[in-house]
PDB file of N, CA and C in Angstrom:
ATOM      1  N   MET A   1     138.201 100.686  98.280  1.00  0.00           N
ATOM      2  CA  MET A   1     137.013 100.092  98.950  1.00  0.00           C
ATOM      3  C   MET A   1     135.775 101.158  98.351  1.00  0.00           C
ATOM      4  N   VAL A   2     134.538 100.599  98.155  1.00  0.00           N
ATOM      5  CA  VAL A   2     133.425 101.235  97.730  1.00  0.00           C
ATOM      6  C   VAL A   2     132.381 101.151  98.702  1.00  0.00           C
ATOM      7  N   CYS A   3     131.293 102.150  98.542  1.00  0.00           N
ATOM      8  CA  CYS A   3     130.164 102.320  99.396  1.00  0.00           C
ATOM      9  C   CYS A   3     129.334 100.869  99.159  1.00  0.00           C
ATOM     10  N   ILE A   4     128.778 100.250  99.904  1.00  0.00           N
ATOM     11  CA  ILE A   4     128.106  99.015  99.653  1.00  0.00           C
ATOM     12  C   ILE A   4     126.626  99.420  99.140  1.00  0.00           C
ATOM     13  N   GLU A   5     126.145 100.555  99.300  1.00  0.00           N
ATOM     14  CA  GLU A   5     124.890 101.081  98.827  1.00  0.00           C
ATOM     15  C   GLU A   5     125.020 101.667  97.254  1.00  0.00           C
ATOM     16  N   CYS A   6     125.811 102.531  97.196  1.00  0.00           N
ATOM     17  CA  CYS A   6     125.979 103.466  95.899  1.00  0.00           C
ATOM     18  C   CYS A   6     127.079 103.027  95.084  1.00  0.00           C
ATOM     19  N   LYS A   7     128.102 102.507  95.658  1.00  0.00           N
ATOM     20  CA  LYS A   7     129.440 101.965  94.854  1.00  0.00           C
ATOM     21  C   LYS A   7     130.213 103.004  94.807  1.00  0.00           C
ATOM     22  N   SER A   8     130.105 104.226  95.185  1.00  0.00           N
ATOM     23  CA  SER A   8     131.118 105.317  95.369  1.00  0.00           C
ATOM     24  C   SER A   8     132.261 105.005  96.138  1.00  0.00           C
ATOM     25  N   PRO A   9     133.561 105.411  95.796  1.00  0.00           N
ATOM     26  CA  PRO A   9     134.747 105.152  96.373  1.00  0.00           C
ATOM     27  C   PRO A   9     134.659 105.720  98.033  1.00  0.00           C
ATOM     28  N   LEU A  10     135.043 105.170  98.913  1.00  0.00           N
ATOM     29  CA  LEU A  10     135.057 105.495 100.170  1.00  0.00           C
ATOM     30  C   LEU A  10     136.307 106.553 100.534  1.00  0.00           C
ATOM     31  N   SER A  11     136.199 107.481 101.229  1.00  0.00           N
ATOM     32  CA  SER A  11     137.342 108.389 101.490  1.00  0.00           C
ATOM     33  C   SER A  11     138.281 107.746 102.478  1.00  0.00           C
ATOM     34  N   GLU A  12     139.555 108.138 102.490  1.00  0.00           N
ATOM     35  CA  GLU A  12     140.693 107.219 103.366  1.00  0.00           C
ATOM     36  C   GLU A  12     140.138 107.597 104.792  1.00  0.00           C
ATOM     37  N   SER A  13     139.535 108.546 105.588  1.00  0.00           N
ATOM     38  CA  SER A  13     138.917 108.573 106.756  1.00  0.00           C
ATOM     39  C   SER A  13     138.100 107.573 107.140  1.00  0.00           C
ATOM     40  N   ARG A  14     137.343 107.281 106.102  1.00  0.00           N
ATOM     41  CA  ARG A  14     136.042 106.243 106.178  1.00  0.00           C
ATOM     42  C   ARG A  14     136.618 105.090 106.226  1.00  0.00           C
ATOM     43  N   ILE A  15     137.666 104.620 105.238  1.00  0.00           N
ATOM     44  CA  ILE A  15     138.292 103.303 105.179  1.00  0.00           C
ATOM     45  C   ILE A  15     139.041 103.013 106.344  1.00  0.00           C
ATOM     46  N   LYS A  16     139.640 104.053 107.187  1.00  0.00           N
ATOM     47  CA  LYS A  16     140.179 103.929 108.390  1.00  0.00           C
ATOM     48  C   LYS A  16     139.167 103.573 109.569  1.00  0.00           C
ATOM     49  N   ARG A  17     138.149 103.988 109.510  1.00  0.00           N
ATOM     50  CA  ARG A  17     137.194 103.769 110.487  1.00  0.00           C
ATOM     51  C   ARG A  17     136.240 102.449 110.046  1.00  0.00           C
ATOM     52  N   HIS A  18     136.707 101.708 109.106  1.00  0.00           N
ATOM     53  CA  HIS A  18     136.191 100.506 108.747  1.00  0.00           C
ATOM     54  C   HIS A  18     134.678 100.841 108.397  1.00  0.00           C
ATOM     55  N   ALA A  19     134.333 101.833 107.753  1.00  0.00           N
ATOM     56  CA  ALA A  19     132.968 102.141 107.173  1.00  0.00           C
ATOM     57  C   ALA A  19     132.606 101.279 106.181  1.00  0.00           C
ATOM     58  N   LYS A  20     131.298 101.187 106.003  1.00  0.00           N
ATOM     59  CA  LYS A  20     130.825 100.460 104.648  1.00  0.00           C
ATOM     60  C   LYS A  20     130.001 101.333 103.901  1.00  0.00           C
ATOM     61  N   PHE A  21     129.809 102.742 104.236  1.00  0.00           N
ATOM     62  CA  PHE A  21     129.109 103.579 103.591  1.00  0.00           C
ATOM     63  C   PHE A  21     129.736 104.896 103.429  1.00  0.00           C
ATOM     64  N   CYS A  22     129.710 105.551 102.270  1.00  0.00           N
ATOM     65  CA  CYS A  22     130.169 106.768 101.995  1.00  0.00           C
ATOM     66  C   CYS A  22     129.465 108.067 102.747  1.00  0.00           C
ATOM     67  N   THR A  23     128.227 107.896 103.068  1.00  0.00           N
ATOM     68  CA  THR A  23     127.617 108.947 103.572  1.00  0.00           C
ATOM     69  C   THR A  23     126.763 108.191 104.731  1.00  0.00           C
ATOM     70  N   ARG A  24     125.979 109.031 105.665  1.00  0.00           N
ATOM     71  CA  ARG A  24     125.093 108.721 106.490  1.00  0.00           C
ATOM     72  C   ARG A  24     123.504 108.514 105.713  1.00  0.00           C
ATOM     73  N   LYS A  25     123.490 109.205 104.462  1.00  0.00           N
ATOM     74  CA  LYS A  25     122.433 109.091 103.941  1.00  0.00           C
ATOM     75  C   LYS A  25     122.323 107.560 103.236  1.00  0.00           C
ATOM     76  N   CYS A  26     123.592 107.371 102.743  1.00  0.00           N
ATOM     77  CA  CYS A  26     123.613 105.801 102.187  1.00  0.00           C
ATOM     78  C   CYS A  26     123.337 104.455 103.163  1.00  0.00           C
ATOM     79  N   SER A  27     123.963 104.932 104.369  1.00  0.00           N
ATOM     80  CA  SER A  27     123.579 104.097 105.470  1.00  0.00           C
ATOM     81  C   SER A  27     122.226 104.083 105.785  1.00  0.00           C
ATOM     82  N   SER A  28     121.501 105.015 105.886  1.00  0.00           N
ATOM     83  CA  SER A  28     119.994 105.206 106.131  1.00  0.00           C
ATOM     84  C   SER A  28     119.296 104.424 105.086  1.00  0.00           C
ATOM     85  N   ILE A  29     119.471 104.649 103.746  1.00  0.00           N
ATOM     86  CA  ILE A  29     118.869 103.889 102.588  1.00  0.00           C
ATOM     87  C   ILE A  29     118.995 102.373 102.724  1.00  0.00           C
ATOM     88  N   ASN A  30     120.190 102.032 102.939  1.00  0.00           N
ATOM     89  CA  ASN A  30     120.483 100.662 103.331  1.00  0.00           C
ATOM     90  C   ASN A  30     119.557 100.112 104.360  1.00  0.00           C
ATOM     91  N   ASN A  31     119.527 100.764 105.471  1.00  0.00           N
ATOM     92  CA  ASN A  31     118.706 100.333 106.852  1.00  0.00           C
ATOM     93  C   ASN A  31     117.293 100.289 106.473  1.00  0.00           C
ATOM     94  N   SER A  32     116.812 101.461 105.638  1.00  0.00           N
ATOM     95  CA  SER A  32     115.640 101.228 105.285  1.00  0.00           C
ATOM     96  C   SER A  32     115.194  99.923 104.244  1.00  0.00           C
ATOM     97  N   LYS A  33     115.971  99.662 103.484  1.00  0.00           N
ATOM     98  CA  LYS A  33     115.814  98.360 102.752  1.00  0.00           C
ATOM     99  C   LYS A  33     115.773  96.883 103.617  1.00  0.00           C
ATOM    100  N   LYS A  34     116.762  97.132 104.384  1.00  0.00           N
ATOM    101  CA  LYS A  34     116.792  95.990 105.345  1.00  0.00           C
ATOM    102  C   LYS A  34     115.546  95.855 106.140  1.00  0.00           C
ATOM    103  N   LEU A  35     115.048  97.064 106.706  1.00  0.00           N
ATOM    104  CA  LEU A  35     113.841  96.967 107.588  1.00  0.00           C
ATOM    105  C   LEU A  35     112.562  96.574 106.722  1.00  0.00           C
ATOM    106  N   LYS A  36     112.649  97.015 105.417  1.00  0.00           N
ATOM    107  CA  LYS A  36     111.540  96.680 104.424  1.00  0.00           C
ATOM    108  C   LYS A  36     111.504  95.151 104.058  1.00  0.00           C
ATOM    109  N   ALA A  37     112.663  94.613 103.879  1.00  0.00           N
ATOM    110  CA  ALA A  37     112.889  93.213 103.649  1.00  0.00           C
ATOM    111  C   ALA A  37     112.367  92.203 104.969  1.00  0.00           C
ATOM    112  N   LEU A  38     112.516  92.754 106.294  1.00  0.00           N
ATOM    113  CA  LEU A  38     112.065  92.262 107.324  1.00  0.00           C
ATOM    114  C   LEU A  38     110.869  92.395 107.605  1.00  0.00           C
ATOM    115  N   ASN A  39     110.093  93.473 107.209  1.00  0.00           N
ATOM    116  CA  ASN A  39     108.831  93.962 107.417  1.00  0.00           C
ATOM    117  C   ASN A  39     108.046  94.182 106.112  1.00  0.00           C
ATOM    118  N   PRO A  40     107.700  93.111 105.206  1.00  0.00           N
ATOM    119  CA  PRO A  40     107.349  93.693 104.036  1.00  0.00           C
ATOM    120  C   PRO A  40     105.915  94.444 103.933  1.00  0.00           C
ATOM    121  N   THR A  41     105.134  94.363 104.844  1.00  0.00           N
ATOM    122  CA  THR A  41     103.970  95.134 104.541  1.00  0.00           C
ATOM    123  C   THR A  41     104.107  96.712 105.119  1.00  0.00           C
ATOM    124  N   SER A  42     105.293  97.050 105.429  1.00  0.00           N
ATOM    125  CA  SER A  42     105.562  98.467 106.006  1.00  0.00           C
ATOM    126  C   SER A  42     105.164  99.318 104.901  1.00  0.00           C
ATOM    127  N   GLY A  43     104.561 100.312 104.657  1.00  0.00           N
ATOM    128  CA  GLY A  43     104.310 101.155 103.800  1.00  0.00           C
ATOM    129  C   GLY A  43     102.819 101.072 103.534  1.00  0.00           C
ATOM    130  N   LEU A  44     102.072 100.116 103.803  1.00  0.00           N
ATOM    131  CA  LEU A  44     100.713  99.957 103.388  1.00  0.00           C
ATOM    132  C   LEU A  44      99.800 100.503 104.472  1.00  0.00           C
ATOM    133  N   PRO A  45      98.634 100.942 104.381  1.00  0.00           N
ATOM    134  CA  PRO A  45      98.042 101.521 105.470  1.00  0.00           C
ATOM    135  C   PRO A  45      97.639 100.427 106.562  1.00  0.00           C
ATOM    136  N   THR A  46      97.919 100.923 107.909  1.00  0.00           N
ATOM    137  CA  THR A  46      97.706  99.986 108.821  1.00  0.00           C
ATOM    138  C   THR A  46      96.382  99.338 108.856  1.00  0.00           C
ATOM    139  N   ALA A  47      95.237  99.733 108.522  1.00  0.00           N
ATOM    140  CA  ALA A  47      94.029  99.292 108.482  1.00  0.00           C
ATOM    141  C   ALA A  47      94.069  97.926 107.474  1.00  0.00           C
ATOM    142  N   THR A  48      94.819  98.269 106.457  1.00  0.00           N
ATOM    143  CA  THR A  48      95.007  97.062 105.388  1.00  0.00           C
ATOM    144  C   THR A  48      95.934  96.120 105.896  1.00  0.00           C
ATOM    145  N   VAL A  49      96.849  96.241 106.493  1.00  0.00           N
ATOM    146  CA  VAL A  49      97.611  95.305 107.172  1.00  0.00           C
ATOM    147  C   VAL A  49      97.057  94.622 108.236  1.00  0.00           C
ATOM    148  N   GLY A  50      96.265  95.297 109.098  1.00  0.00           N
ATOM    149  CA  GLY A  50      95.358  94.658 110.184  1.00  0.00           C
ATOM    150  C   GLY A  50      94.337  93.461 109.452  1.00  0.00           C
ATOM    151  N   ALA A  51      93.737  93.926 108.218  1.00  0.00           N
ATOM    152  CA  ALA A  51      92.937  93.014 107.663  1.00  0.00           C
ATOM    153  C   ALA A  51      93.534  91.824 107.063  1.00  0.00           C
ATOM    154  N   LEU A  52      94.823  92.137 106.245  1.00  0.00           N
ATOM    155  CA  LEU A  52      95.323  90.917 105.886  1.00  0.00           C
ATOM    156  C   LEU A  52      95.766  89.933 107.018  1.00  0.00           C
ATOM    157  N   ASN A  53      96.236  90.404 108.078  1.00  0.00           N
ATOM    158  CA  ASN A  53      96.652  89.620 109.103  1.00  0.00           C
ATOM    159  C   ASN A  53      95.589  88.860 109.998  1.00  0.00           C
ATOM    160  N   GLU A  54      94.324  89.506 109.766  1.00  0.00           N
ATOM    161  CA  GLU A  54      93.246  88.768 110.404  1.00  0.00           C
ATOM    162  C   GLU A  54      92.945  87.536 109.475  1.00  0.00           C
ATOM    163  N   MET A  55      92.924  87.874 108.210  1.00  0.00           N
ATOM    164  CA  MET A  55      92.632  86.774 107.257  1.00  0.00           C
ATOM    165  C   MET A  55      93.741  85.859 107.353  1.00  0.00           C
ATOM    166  N   ARG A  56      95.098  86.115 107.360  1.00  0.00           N
ATOM    167  CA  ARG A  56      96.142  85.005 107.758  1.00  0.00           C
ATOM    168  C   ARG A  56      95.998  84.201 108.903  1.00  0.00           C
ATOM    169  N   ALA A  57      95.652  84.790 110.018  1.00  0.00           N
ATOM    170  CA  ALA A  57      95.303  84.327 111.183  1.00  0.00           C
ATOM    171  C   ALA A  57      93.985  83.253 110.978  1.00  0.00           C
ATOM    172  N   SER A  58      93.120  83.730 110.220  1.00  0.00           N
ATOM    173  CA  SER A  58      91.945  82.898 110.002  1.00  0.00           C
ATOM    174  C   SER A  58      92.204  81.551 109.234  1.00  0.00           C
ATOM    175  N   ALA A  59      92.895  81.932 108.153  1.00  0.00           N
ATOM    176  CA  ALA A  59      93.394  80.687 107.504  1.00  0.00           C
ATOM    177  C   ALA A  59      94.203  79.534 108.171  1.00  0.00           C
ATOM    178  N   GLU A  60      94.930  80.164 109.002  1.00  0.00           N
ATOM    179  CA  GLU A  60      95.988  79.260 109.941  1.00  0.00           C
ATOM    180  C   GLU A  60      94.764  78.257 110.818  1.00  0.00           C
ATOM    181  N   LEU A  61      94.011  79.158 111.534  1.00  0.00           N
ATOM    182  CA  LEU A  61      93.064  78.435 112.393  1.00  0.00           C
ATOM    183  C   LEU A  61      92.030  77.593 111.430  1.00  0.00           C
ATOM    184  N   LEU A  62      91.849  77.837 110.740  1.00  0.00           N
ATOM    185  CA  LEU A  62      90.809  77.051 109.674  1.00  0.00           C
ATOM    186  C   LEU A  62      91.622  75.624 109.208  1.00  0.00           C
ATOM    187  N   SER A  63      93.015  75.945 108.779  1.00  0.00           N
ATOM    188  CA  SER A  63      93.861  74.630 108.583  1.00  0.00           C
ATOM    189  C   SER A  63      94.006  73.724 109.934  1.00  0.00           C
ATOM    190  N   ARG A  64      93.566  74.172 111.180  1.00  0.00           N
ATOM    191  CA  ARG A  64      94.009  73.405 112.172  1.00  0.00           C
ATOM    192  C   ARG A  64      92.561  72.907 112.765  1.00  0.00           C
ATOM    193  N   GLY A  65      91.582  73.137 111.928  1.00  0.00           N
ATOM    194  CA  GLY A  65      90.139  72.509 112.230  1.00  0.00           C
ATOM    195  C   GLY A  65      89.106  73.227 112.722  1.00  0.00           C
ATOM    196  N   TYR A  66      89.481  74.620 112.930  1.00  0.00           N
ATOM    197  CA  TYR A  66      88.325  75.440 113.614  1.00  0.00           C
ATOM    198  C   TYR A  66      87.546  76.183 112.778  1.00  0.00           C
ATOM    199  N   HIS A  67      86.260  76.636 113.059  1.00  0.00           N
ATOM    200  CA  HIS A  67      85.256  77.188 112.376  1.00  0.00           C
ATOM    201  C   HIS A  67      85.721  78.672 112.918  1.00  0.00           C
ATOM    202  N   VAL A  68      85.896  79.442 111.963  1.00  0.00           N
ATOM    203  CA  VAL A  68      86.280  80.808 112.248  1.00  0.00           C
ATOM    204  C   VAL A  68      85.222  82.013 111.659  1.00  0.00           C
ATOM    205  N   PHE A  69      84.915  82.801 112.737  1.00  0.00           N
ATOM    206  CA  PHE A  69      83.908  84.062 112.447  1.00  0.00           C
ATOM    207  C   PHE A  69      84.577  85.319 112.820  1.00  0.00           C
ATOM    208  N   ARG A  70      84.630  86.175 111.743  1.00  0.00           N
ATOM    209  CA  ARG A  70      85.392  87.421 111.781  1.00  0.00           C
ATOM    210  C   ARG A  70      84.445  88.729 112.246  1.00  0.00           C
ATOM    211  N   ALA A  71      85.036  89.500 112.941  1.00  0.00           N
ATOM    212  CA  ALA A  71      84.072  90.635 113.518  1.00  0.00           C
ATOM    213  C   ALA A  71      83.800  91.579 112.096  1.00  0.00           C
ATOM    214  N   VAL A  72      82.731  91.847 112.292  1.00  0.00           N
ATOM    215  CA  VAL A  72      82.335  93.137 111.319  1.00  0.00           C
ATOM    216  C   VAL A  72      82.564  94.560 111.479  1.00  0.00           C
ATOM    217  N   SER A  73      82.675  94.572 112.591  1.00  0.00           N
ATOM    218  CA  SER A  73      82.831  96.140 113.325  1.00  0.00           C
ATOM    219  C   SER A  73      84.212  96.136 113.651  1.00  0.00           C
ATOM    220  N   PRO A  74      84.876  97.255 113.502  1.00  0.00           N
ATOM    221  CA  PRO A  74      86.398  97.449 114.129  1.00  0.00           C
ATOM    222  C   PRO A  74      86.437  97.554 115.488  1.00  0.00           C
ATOM    223  N   SER A  75      85.187  97.971 116.147  1.00  0.00           N
ATOM    224  CA  SER A  75      85.033  98.200 117.598  1.00  0.00           C
ATOM    225  C   SER A  75      84.838  97.028 118.217  1.00  0.00           C
ATOM    226  N   CYS A  76      84.701  95.891 117.747  1.00  0.00           N
ATOM    227  CA  CYS A  76      84.342  94.796 118.616  1.00  0.00           C
ATOM    228  C   CYS A  76      85.546  94.371 119.477  1.00  0.00           C
ATOM    229  N   PRO A  77      85.180  93.646 120.681  1.00  0.00           N
ATOM    230  CA  PRO A  77      86.042  93.282 121.739  1.00  0.00           C
ATOM    231  C   PRO A  77      87.315  92.398 121.112  1.00  0.00           C
ATOM    232  N   CYS A  78      86.723  91.692 120.094  1.00  0.00           N
ATOM    233  CA  CYS A  78      87.959  90.737 119.649  1.00  0.00           C
ATOM    234  C   CYS A  78      87.948  90.690 118.305  1.00  0.00           C
ATOM    235  N   ASP A  79      88.861  90.171 117.517  1.00  0.00           N
ATOM    236  CA  ASP A  79      88.950  90.184 115.990  1.00  0.00           C
ATOM    237  C   ASP A  79      88.018  89.042 115.425  1.00  0.00           C
ATOM    238  N   LEU A  80      88.423  87.767 116.113  1.00  0.00           N
ATOM    239  CA  LEU A  80      87.745  86.562 115.568  1.00  0.00           C
ATOM    240  C   LEU A  80      87.210  85.638 116.751  1.00  0.00           C
ATOM    241  N   ILE A  81      86.259  84.802 116.203  1.00  0.00           N
ATOM    242  CA  ILE A  81      85.903  83.772 117.334  1.00  0.00           C
ATOM    243  C   ILE A  81      86.282  82.540 116.621  1.00  0.00           C
ATOM    244  N   ALA A  82      86.879  81.687 117.434  1.00  0.00           N
ATOM    245  CA  ALA A  82      87.311  80.170 116.562  1.00  0.00           C
ATOM    246  C   ALA A  82      86.513  79.300 117.415  1.00  0.00           C
ATOM    247  N   MET A  83      85.887  78.122 116.720  1.00  0.00           N
ATOM    248  CA  MET A  83      85.299  77.066 117.358  1.00  0.00           C
ATOM    249  C   MET A  83      85.733  75.914 116.856  1.00  0.00           C
ATOM    250  N   ARG A  84      85.908  74.955 117.805  1.00  0.00           N
ATOM    251  CA  ARG A  84      86.215  73.516 117.519  1.00  0.00           C
ATOM    252  C   ARG A  84      85.546  72.727 118.626  1.00  0.00           C
ATOM    253  N   ASP A  85      85.028  71.492 118.506  1.00  0.00           N
ATOM    254  CA  ASP A  85      84.480  70.489 119.165  1.00  0.00           C
ATOM    255  C   ASP A  85      83.707  70.942 120.433  1.00  0.00           C
ATOM    256  N   GLY A  86      82.684  71.968 120.083  1.00  0.00           N
ATOM    257  CA  GLY A  86      81.890  72.660 120.741  1.00  0.00           C
ATOM    258  C   GLY A  86      82.239  73.686 121.731  1.00  0.00           C
ATOM    259  N   GLU A  87      83.635  74.035 121.679  1.00  0.00           N
ATOM    260  CA  GLU A  87      84.362  74.987 122.451  1.00  0.00           C
ATOM    261  C   GLU A  87      84.671  76.259 121.459  1.00  0.00           C
ATOM    262  N   SER A  88      84.416  77.417 122.034  1.00  0.00           N
ATOM    263  CA  SER A  88      84.736  78.780 121.257  1.00  0.00           C
ATOM    264  C   SER A  88      85.651  79.318 122.251  1.00  0.00           C
ATOM    265  N   ILE A  89      86.624  80.204 121.304  1.00  0.00           N
ATOM    266  CA  ILE A  89      87.759  81.157 121.859  1.00  0.00           C
ATOM    267  C   ILE A  89      87.677  82.428 121.198  1.00  0.00           C
ATOM    268  N   ARG A  90      87.947  83.551 121.966  1.00  0.00           N
ATOM    269  CA  ARG A  90      88.073  84.725 121.430  1.00  0.00           C
ATOM    270  C   ARG A  90      89.380  85.012 121.082  1.00  0.00           C
ATOM    271  N   VAL A  91      89.653  85.643 119.928  1.00  0.00           N
ATOM    272  CA  VAL A  91      90.854  85.624 119.389  1.00  0.00           C
ATOM    273  C   VAL A  91      91.309  87.258 118.880  1.00  0.00           C
ATOM    274  N   GLU A  92      92.450  87.847 119.481  1.00  0.00           N
ATOM    275  CA  GLU A  92      92.740  89.136 119.095  1.00  0.00           C
ATOM    276  C   GLU A  92      94.045  88.738 118.214  1.00  0.00           C
ATOM    277  N   VAL A  93      93.940  89.470 117.011  1.00  0.00           N
ATOM    278  CA  VAL A  93      94.972  89.288 116.080  1.00  0.00           C
ATOM    279  C   VAL A  93      95.801  90.700 116.225  1.00  0.00           C
ATOM    280  N   THR A  94      97.118  90.569 116.113  1.00  0.00           N
ATOM    281  CA  THR A  94      98.019  91.883 116.055  1.00  0.00           C
ATOM    282  C   THR A  94      99.192  91.696 115.199  1.00  0.00           C
ATOM    283  N   THR A  95      99.676  93.075 114.662  1.00  0.00           N
ATOM    284  CA  THR A  95     100.740  92.723 113.627  1.00  0.00           C
ATOM    285  C   THR A  95     102.177  92.813 114.256  1.00  0.00           C
ATOM    286  N   GLY A  96     103.037  91.955 114.141  1.00  0.00           N
ATOM    287  CA  GLY A  96     104.288  91.934 114.969  1.00  0.00           C
ATOM    288  C   GLY A  96     105.488  92.484 113.963  1.00  0.00           C
ATOM    289  N   TYR A  97     106.665  92.595 114.358  1.00  0.00           N
ATOM    290  CA  TYR A  97     107.602  92.903 113.602  1.00  0.00           C
ATOM    291  C   TYR A  97     108.780  92.363 113.808  1.00  0.00           C
ATOM    292  N   LYS A  98     109.899  91.902 113.122  1.00  0.00           N
ATOM    293  CA  LYS A  98     111.161  91.736 113.416  1.00  0.00           C
ATOM    294  C   LYS A  98     112.176  92.771 113.709  1.00  0.00           C
ATOM    295  N   ASN A  99     112.816  92.820 114.930  1.00  0.00           N
ATOM    296  CA  ASN A  99     113.646  93.650 115.248  1.00  0.00           C
ATOM    297  C   ASN A  99     115.012  93.241 114.408  1.00  0.00           C
ATOM    298  N   GLN A 100     115.811  94.196 114.261  1.00  0.00           N
ATOM    299  CA  GLN A 100     117.215  93.653 113.567  1.00  0.00           C
ATOM    300  C   GLN A 100     117.964  92.846 114.147  1.00  0.00           C
ATOM    301  N   ASP A 101     117.606  92.472 115.278  1.00  0.00           N
ATOM    302  CA  ASP A 101     118.491  91.423 116.182  1.00  0.00           C
ATOM    303  C   ASP A 101     117.552  90.115 115.771  1.00  0.00           C
ATOM    304  N   GLY A 102     116.427  90.006 115.407  1.00  0.00           N
ATOM    305  CA  GLY A 102     115.709  88.834 114.984  1.00  0.00           C
ATOM    306  C   GLY A 102     114.693  88.627 115.882  1.00  0.00           C
ATOM    307  N   SER A 103     114.533  89.540 116.892  1.00  0.00           N
ATOM    308  CA  SER A 103     113.382  89.110 118.089  1.00  0.00           C
ATOM    309  C   SER A 103     112.227  89.605 117.534  1.00  0.00           C
ATOM    310  N   ILE A 104     110.902  89.212 118.126  1.00  0.00           N
ATOM    311  CA  ILE A 104     109.788  89.467 117.426  1.00  0.00           C
ATOM    312  C   ILE A 104     109.331  90.525 118.643  1.00  0.00           C
ATOM    313  N   GLY A 105     108.764  91.369 118.069  1.00  0.00           N
ATOM    314  CA  GLY A 105     108.019  92.672 118.879  1.00  0.00           C
ATOM    315  C   GLY A 105     106.600  92.722 118.418  1.00  0.00           C
ATOM    316  N   TYR A 106     105.847  93.287 119.422  1.00  0.00           N
ATOM    317  CA  TYR A 106     104.387  93.764 119.003  1.00  0.00           C
ATOM    318  C   TYR A 106     103.881  94.760 120.070  1.00  0.00           C
ATOM    319  N   PRO A 107     102.834  95.414 119.658  1.00  0.00           N
ATOM    320  CA  PRO A 107     102.303  96.402 120.618  1.00  0.00           C
ATOM    321  C   PRO A 107     101.791  95.729 121.779  1.00  0.00           C
ATOM    322  N   PRO A 108     101.894  96.330 123.070  1.00  0.00           N
ATOM    323  CA  PRO A 108     101.184  95.632 124.226  1.00  0.00           C
ATOM    324  C   PRO A 108      99.862  95.207 124.116  1.00  0.00           C
ATOM    325  N   HIS A 109      99.251  94.327 124.663  1.00  0.00           N
ATOM    326  CA  HIS A 109      97.740  94.135 124.805  1.00  0.00           C
ATOM    327  C   HIS A 109      97.381  93.512 125.841  1.00  0.00           C
ATOM    328  N   THR A 110      96.314  94.130 126.573  1.00  0.00           N
ATOM    329  CA  THR A 110      95.765  93.825 127.799  1.00  0.00           C
ATOM    330  C   THR A 110      94.816  92.737 127.853  1.00  0.00           C
ATOM    331  N   SER A 111      94.918  91.684 128.537  1.00  0.00           N
ATOM    332  CA  SER A 111      94.032  90.725 128.661  1.00  0.00           C
ATOM    333  C   SER A 111      92.554  90.932 129.041  1.00  0.00           C
ATOM    334  N   GLY A 112      91.612  89.886 128.657  1.00  0.00           N
ATOM    335  CA  GLY A 112      90.311  90.265 129.409  1.00  0.00           C
ATOM    336  C   GLY A 112      89.231  90.221 128.247  1.00  0.00           C
ATOM    337  N   GLU A 113      89.580  90.819 127.074  1.00  0.00           N
ATOM    338  CA  GLU A 113      88.616  90.989 125.914  1.00  0.00           C
ATOM    339  C   GLU A 113      88.746  89.653 124.979  1.00  0.00           C
ATOM    340  N   TYR A 114      89.980  88.750 125.263  1.00  0.00           N
ATOM    341  CA  TYR A 114      90.337  87.820 124.281  1.00  0.00           C
ATOM    342  C   TYR A 114      90.787  86.551 125.099  1.00  0.00           C
ATOM    343  N   ASP A 115      90.830  85.492 124.718  1.00  0.00           N
ATOM    344  CA  ASP A 115      91.297  84.201 125.099  1.00  0.00           C
ATOM    345  C   ASP A 115      92.790  83.809 124.512  1.00  0.00           C
ATOM    346  N   MET A 116      93.005  84.247 123.291  1.00  0.00           N
ATOM    347  CA  MET A 116      94.307  84.021 122.461  1.00  0.00           C
ATOM    348  C   MET A 116      94.672  85.233 121.623  1.00  0.00           C
ATOM    349  N   LEU A 117      95.974  85.565 121.834  1.00  0.00           N
ATOM    350  CA  LEU A 117      96.527  86.670 121.092  1.00  0.00           C
ATOM    351  C   LEU A 117      97.215  85.935 120.021  1.00  0.00           C
ATOM    352  N   ILE A 118      96.971  86.152 118.720  1.00  0.00           N
ATOM    353  CA  ILE A 118      97.681  85.634 117.577  1.00  0.00           C
ATOM    354  C   ILE A 118      98.602  86.911 117.131  1.00  0.00           C
ATOM    355  N   VAL A 119      99.818  86.692 117.001  1.00  0.00           N
ATOM    356  CA  VAL A 119     100.831  87.661 116.403  1.00  0.00           C
ATOM    357  C   VAL A 119     101.261  87.345 114.931  1.00  0.00           C
ATOM    358  N   VAL A 120     101.124  88.204 114.144  1.00  0.00           N
ATOM    359  CA  VAL A 120     101.313  87.898 112.622  1.00  0.00           C
ATOM    360  C   VAL A 120     102.490  88.620 112.382  1.00  0.00           C
ATOM    361  N   VAL A 121     103.436  87.864 111.704  1.00  0.00           N
ATOM    362  CA  VAL A 121     104.931  88.619 111.348  1.00  0.00           C
ATOM    363  C   VAL A 121     105.070  88.096 109.967  1.00  0.00           C
ATOM    364  N   GLY A 122     104.890  88.942 108.816  1.00  0.00           N
ATOM    365  CA  GLY A 122     104.967  88.656 107.660  1.00  0.00           C
ATOM    366  C   GLY A 122     104.140  87.032 107.301  1.00  0.00           C
ATOM    367  N   ASP A 123     104.607  86.187 107.142  1.00  0.00           N
ATOM    368  CA  ASP A 123     104.114  84.970 106.913  1.00  0.00           C
ATOM    369  C   ASP A 123     104.028  84.014 107.810  1.00  0.00           C
ATOM    370  N   SER A 124     104.681  84.738 109.320  1.00  0.00           N
ATOM    371  CA  SER A 124     104.756  83.799 110.222  1.00  0.00           C
ATOM    372  C   SER A 124     103.692  83.970 111.226  1.00  0.00           C
ATOM    373  N   ILE A 125     103.446  82.953 111.946  1.00  0.00           N
ATOM    374  CA  ILE A 125     102.210  83.148 112.861  1.00  0.00           C
ATOM    375  C   ILE A 125     102.511  82.678 114.384  1.00  0.00           C
ATOM    376  N   PHE A 126     102.464  83.506 115.370  1.00  0.00           N
ATOM    377  CA  PHE A 126     102.885  83.128 116.763  1.00  0.00           C
ATOM    378  C   PHE A 126     101.519  83.220 117.568  1.00  0.00           C
ATOM    379  N   TYR A 127     101.315  82.231 118.390  1.00  0.00           N
ATOM    380  CA  TYR A 127     100.291  82.060 119.437  1.00  0.00           C
ATOM    381  C   TYR A 127     100.761  82.569 120.974  1.00  0.00           C
ATOM    382  N   ASN A 128      99.911  83.186 121.578  1.00  0.00           N
ATOM    383  CA  ASN A 128     100.034  83.788 122.985  1.00  0.00           C
ATOM    384  C   ASN A 128      98.751  83.426 123.678  1.00  0.00           C
ATOM    385  N   PRO A 129      98.247  82.658 124.513  1.00  0.00           N
ATOM    386  CA  PRO A 129      99.145  81.444 124.935  1.00  0.00           C
ATOM    387  C   PRO A 129      98.992  80.453 124.010  1.00  0.00           C
TER     388      PRO A 129
END
């Protein structure tokens, strides 16, 4: 049997424990690759990821027939204003992530400054509410 990361032979003790990796280092490298695949923007500056996700959310809202206005200042109370049929909503956009179990996580947000929270995970967009 060989390590699934580096292809080195596994020791007898690791084979007996049904290990897949020759060392903890190989296991860690493999887990990092999995997380990178689940969260492709990891490694980019957080401000860049936030700007990308605001644009992704804007494109999604535009495709649903909204007029979208983006905040110029990072200290605005919401990220976007979306208007349709004479109604406007304040939109907050946040970056989510996939956990290893497949569930979606994102930082907690308190309501009051926005009407809708959009969670962007890679190319997927989730609305709350």
